[in-house]
Amino acid sequence: MKPEEAAESSVEDLMDELSSTAEGLSSSEAESRLGEYGPNEIAEKKVNPILKFLAYFWGPIPWMIEVAAVLSAFLGRWEDFAIISLLLLMNGVVGFWQENKADRAIELLKKRLAPSARVRRDGEWIELPARVLVPGDVVRVRLGEIVPADVKLFGGDFLQVDESALTGESLPVEKKPSDVAYSGSIIRMGEMNGLVYATGMETYFGRTAKLVEEAKTKSHFQKAVIKI
């Protein structure tokens, strides 16, 4: 569910939609949903660094440059061959370096995720790893804790939440019942219950990480190489 949809829905409507109550889920139902939705974690694609680097020499633009290099060598224009080869290599190095920067940004974001959460299962509050949370779970968030998933708040007066890592907002944001709080944000004041409506890659955090991972922007240097 998208954050906008969750924000517009009432707590009661969301509970009906997720077949949950203020008492939370049963252990058996949570286990079933874990199999359906998957763990509450950010999926990460591990690619061999060598293969990742070589990928920058495969594609329409690299092929064009490589053909130019081969033609230069065939015609005996070795200075042109050396310059084109150097530009091709530098283009790959710069692209590889920029992609690694994006990967490091995702790693820094992942360090902000909550390792555990206080969850209501079978009508009782228990401590569980945050990765086993599922939509429909009821969690308790309080001062100093990290929000473990995207939640619809209820059962309290207010919270002050630090969302700077996600939204860029420098000051804590005040949250009231029926507001939403995002996975990875930090509670600076208050205590409240939350109904989990999104986990893993479906959270605001997960969608942000996915955009960072898929972003393929060209640097000024890469644009200059293509122009040349």
Protein backbone atom coordinates (compact mmCIF):
# COMPACT_ATOMS: atom_id res chain seq x y z
CA MET A 1 0.00 0.00 0.00
CA LYS A 2 1.27 3.47 -0.89
CA PRO A 3 1.84 6.05 1.90
CA GLU A 4 -0.75 8.38 0.35
CA GLU A 5 -3.44 5.69 0.49
CA ALA A 6 -2.57 4.78 4.08
CA ALA A 7 -2.62 8.45 5.13
CA GLU A 8 -6.10 8.97 3.67
CA SER A 9 -7.58 5.79 5.18
CA SER A 10 -8.81 5.61 8.77
CA VAL A 11 -7.25 3.19 11.26
CA GLU A 12 -10.48 1.18 11.31
CA ASP A 13 -10.60 0.89 7.51
CA LEU A 14 -6.98 -0.25 7.40
CA MET A 15 -7.61 -2.83 10.11
CA ASP A 16 -10.55 -4.17 8.12
CA GLU A 17 -8.51 -4.24 4.92
CA LEU A 18 -5.62 -6.04 6.63
CA SER A 19 -7.92 -8.33 8.66
CA SER A 20 -6.37 -7.15 11.93
CA THR A 21 -7.45 -5.63 15.25
CA ALA A 22 -5.91 -3.54 18.01
CA GLU A 23 -4.95 -6.87 19.62
CA GLY A 24 -2.67 -7.64 16.69
CA LEU A 25 -2.30 -10.93 14.83
CA SER A 26 -2.04 -14.51 16.00
CA SER A 27 1.34 -16.23 15.65
CA SER A 28 -0.02 -18.64 13.04
CA GLU A 29 -1.53 -15.82 10.94
CA ALA A 30 1.72 -13.81 11.16
CA GLU A 31 3.71 -16.83 10.04
CA SER A 32 1.38 -17.32 7.09
CA ARG A 33 1.69 -13.66 6.07
CA LEU A 34 5.46 -13.79 6.39
CA GLY A 35 5.45 -16.45 3.69
CA GLU A 36 3.18 -14.28 1.55
CA TYR A 37 4.85 -10.88 1.95
CA GLY A 38 8.42 -11.96 2.68
CA PRO A 39 10.75 -10.64 5.41
CA ASN A 40 10.70 -7.01 6.45
CA GLU A 41 14.10 -6.14 5.02
CA ILE A 42 15.67 -4.34 2.10
CA ALA A 43 16.47 -6.72 -0.75
CA GLU A 44 20.00 -6.36 -2.02
CA LYS A 45 21.38 -7.51 -5.36
CA LYS A 46 24.93 -8.80 -4.99
CA VAL A 47 26.89 -8.50 -8.24
CA ASN A 48 30.50 -9.50 -8.74
CA PRO A 49 32.50 -6.21 -8.89
CA ILE A 50 34.46 -7.42 -11.93
CA LEU A 51 31.25 -8.22 -13.85
CA LYS A 52 29.80 -4.88 -12.76
CA PHE A 53 32.88 -3.07 -14.13
CA LEU A 54 32.89 -5.02 -17.41
CA ALA A 55 29.19 -4.15 -17.91
CA TYR A 56 30.29 -0.56 -18.62
CA PHE A 57 31.97 -1.81 -21.80
CA TRP A 58 28.80 -3.48 -23.09
CA GLY A 59 25.99 -1.56 -24.75
CA PRO A 60 25.27 0.72 -27.74
CA ILE A 61 27.44 3.64 -26.58
CA PRO A 62 30.50 1.53 -25.55
CA TRP A 63 30.15 -0.48 -28.78
CA MET A 64 30.28 2.73 -30.80
CA ILE A 65 33.44 3.86 -29.01
CA GLU A 66 35.01 0.40 -29.30
CA VAL A 67 34.33 0.33 -33.05
CA ALA A 68 35.97 3.74 -33.37
CA ALA A 69 39.02 2.40 -31.51
CA VAL A 70 39.23 -0.68 -33.76
CA LEU A 71 38.92 1.43 -36.92
CA SER A 72 41.67 3.76 -35.66
CA ALA A 73 43.94 0.77 -35.07
CA PHE A 74 43.05 -0.71 -38.49
CA LEU A 75 43.99 2.58 -40.20
CA GLY A 76 47.20 2.82 -38.18
CA ARG A 77 46.14 5.98 -36.38
CA TRP A 78 47.65 4.91 -33.10
CA GLU A 79 47.35 8.29 -31.39
CA ASP A 80 43.60 8.26 -32.01
CA PHE A 81 43.46 4.64 -30.89
CA ALA A 82 45.23 5.50 -27.60
CA ILE A 83 43.01 8.51 -26.90
CA ILE A 84 39.76 6.66 -27.67
CA SER A 85 40.83 3.64 -25.59
CA LEU A 86 41.74 5.90 -22.68
CA LEU A 87 38.37 7.69 -22.89
CA LEU A 88 36.56 4.33 -22.99
CA LEU A 89 38.46 3.11 -19.92
CA MET A 90 37.90 6.34 -18.00
CA ASN A 91 34.19 6.26 -18.88
CA GLY A 92 33.93 2.78 -17.37
CA VAL A 93 35.90 3.75 -14.26
CA VAL A 94 33.77 6.84 -13.61
CA GLY A 95 30.51 4.91 -14.11
CA PHE A 96 31.69 2.11 -11.82
CA TRP A 97 32.72 4.62 -9.14
CA GLN A 98 29.36 6.42 -9.29
CA GLU A 99 27.43 3.15 -8.99
CA ASN A 100 29.51 2.19 -5.95
CA LYS A 101 28.61 5.55 -4.39
CA ALA A 102 24.91 4.69 -4.83
CA ASP A 103 25.48 1.26 -3.25
CA ARG A 104 27.21 2.87 -0.26
CA ALA A 105 24.29 5.29 0.13
CA ILE A 106 21.90 2.33 0.35
CA GLU A 107 24.15 0.64 2.93
CA LEU A 108 24.12 3.79 5.08
CA LEU A 109 20.32 3.90 4.85
CA LYS A 110 20.02 0.22 5.82
CA LYS A 111 21.99 0.86 9.02
CA ARG A 112 19.09 3.04 10.18
CA LEU A 113 16.62 0.17 10.12
CA ALA A 114 15.32 -1.14 13.44
CA PRO A 115 16.88 -4.48 14.51
CA SER A 116 13.91 -5.41 16.71
CA ALA A 117 10.37 -4.31 17.53
CA ARG A 118 7.80 -4.59 20.29
CA VAL A 119 4.88 -6.45 18.67
CA ARG A 120 1.46 -7.58 19.86
CA ARG A 121 1.01 -11.25 18.99
CA ASP A 122 -1.72 -13.49 20.41
CA GLY A 123 -2.88 -10.50 22.49
CA GLU A 124 0.48 -10.12 24.29
CA TRP A 125 3.38 -7.71 23.83
CA ILE A 126 6.60 -9.47 22.87
CA GLU A 127 10.01 -8.47 21.48
CA LEU A 128 10.74 -9.83 17.99
CA PRO A 129 13.27 -9.21 15.21
CA ALA A 130 11.94 -6.44 12.97
CA ARG A 131 12.48 -8.65 9.90
CA VAL A 132 9.52 -10.88 10.88
CA LEU A 133 6.96 -8.05 10.94
CA VAL A 134 4.07 -8.36 8.48
CA PRO A 135 1.21 -6.09 7.36
CA GLY A 136 -1.49 -6.23 10.04
CA ASP A 137 0.92 -6.42 12.97
CA VAL A 138 0.47 -3.95 15.83
CA VAL A 139 3.71 -2.46 17.18
CA ARG A 140 4.61 -0.07 19.98
CA VAL A 141 7.03 2.79 19.24
CA ARG A 142 8.48 5.11 21.86
CA LEU A 143 11.23 7.61 22.66
CA GLY A 144 14.61 6.73 21.14
CA GLU A 145 13.35 3.81 19.05
CA ILE A 146 13.47 3.38 15.28
CA VAL A 147 10.14 2.83 13.53
CA PRO A 148 10.42 -0.80 12.30
CA ALA A 149 7.99 -0.59 9.34
CA ASP A 150 5.53 1.84 7.77
CA VAL A 151 2.74 2.21 10.33
CA LYS A 152 -0.61 3.92 10.84
CA LEU A 153 -0.51 5.48 14.31
CA PHE A 154 -3.18 5.06 16.99
CA GLY A 155 -3.49 4.46 20.73
CA GLY A 156 -1.63 7.54 21.97
CA ASP A 157 -1.58 11.34 22.00
CA PHE A 158 1.35 12.41 19.82
CA LEU A 159 4.88 11.67 18.66
CA GLN A 160 7.78 13.74 17.45
CA VAL A 161 9.52 11.84 14.68
CA ASP A 162 12.88 12.51 13.01
CA GLU A 163 12.42 11.73 9.29
CA SER A 164 15.50 13.65 8.09
CA ALA A 165 17.15 10.60 6.47
CA LEU A 166 14.04 9.95 4.36
CA THR A 167 12.45 13.31 3.62
CA GLY A 168 15.27 15.79 4.28
CA GLU A 169 13.14 17.55 6.91
CA SER A 170 15.70 18.93 9.40
CA LEU A 171 13.34 19.23 12.38
CA PRO A 172 11.28 16.45 14.03
CA VAL A 173 7.74 16.19 12.67
CA GLU A 174 4.78 16.01 15.04
CA LYS A 175 2.54 12.99 14.50
CA LYS A 176 -0.95 12.42 15.86
CA PRO A 177 -3.32 9.43 15.79
CA SER A 178 -4.23 8.48 12.18
CA ASP A 179 -0.95 9.89 10.85
CA VAL A 180 1.63 7.58 9.28
CA ALA A 181 5.22 7.01 10.37
CA TYR A 182 7.88 5.60 8.08
CA SER A 183 10.32 2.76 8.58
CA GLY A 184 13.78 4.05 9.54
CA SER A 185 12.56 7.27 11.20
CA ILE A 186 13.44 7.88 14.86
CA ILE A 187 11.04 8.68 17.70
CA ARG A 188 12.25 11.82 19.48
CA MET A 189 9.32 12.22 21.84
CA GLY A 190 6.15 10.38 22.84
CA GLU A 191 4.82 6.83 22.66
CA MET A 192 2.12 5.32 20.47
CA ASN A 193 0.86 2.13 18.84
CA GLY A 194 1.09 1.61 15.12
CA LEU A 195 -0.63 -0.70 12.64
CA VAL A 196 1.91 -2.05 10.15
CA TYR A 197 0.62 -1.50 6.61
CA ALA A 198 3.83 -1.94 4.56
CA THR A 199 7.06 -3.89 5.07
CA GLY A 200 10.34 -4.50 3.24
CA MET A 201 10.64 -3.04 -0.25
CA GLU A 202 7.01 -1.78 -0.11
CA THR A 203 7.83 0.75 2.63
CA TYR A 204 8.65 4.38 1.88
CA PHE A 205 12.22 3.52 2.86
CA GLY A 206 12.28 0.51 0.52
CA ARG A 207 10.92 2.50 -2.42
CA THR A 208 13.56 5.19 -1.78
CA ALA A 209 16.33 2.58 -1.71
CA LYS A 210 15.03 1.09 -4.96
CA LEU A 211 15.08 4.49 -6.68
CA VAL A 212 18.66 5.08 -5.50
CA GLU A 213 19.67 1.64 -6.79
CA GLU A 214 18.02 2.14 -10.19
CA ALA A 215 19.20 5.72 -10.71
CA LYS A 216 21.48 5.83 -13.76
CA THR A 217 22.66 9.40 -14.23
CA LYS A 218 25.57 10.37 -16.46
CA SER A 219 28.30 12.61 -15.08
CA HIS A 220 29.62 15.62 -17.01
CA PHE A 221 32.66 13.55 -17.92
CA GLN A 222 30.56 10.71 -19.37
CA LYS A 223 28.50 13.20 -21.38
CA ALA A 224 31.72 14.74 -22.70
CA VAL A 225 33.03 11.32 -23.74
CA ILE A 226 29.83 10.56 -25.68
CA LYS A 227 29.94 14.00 -27.32
CA ILE A 228 33.56 13.48 -28.39
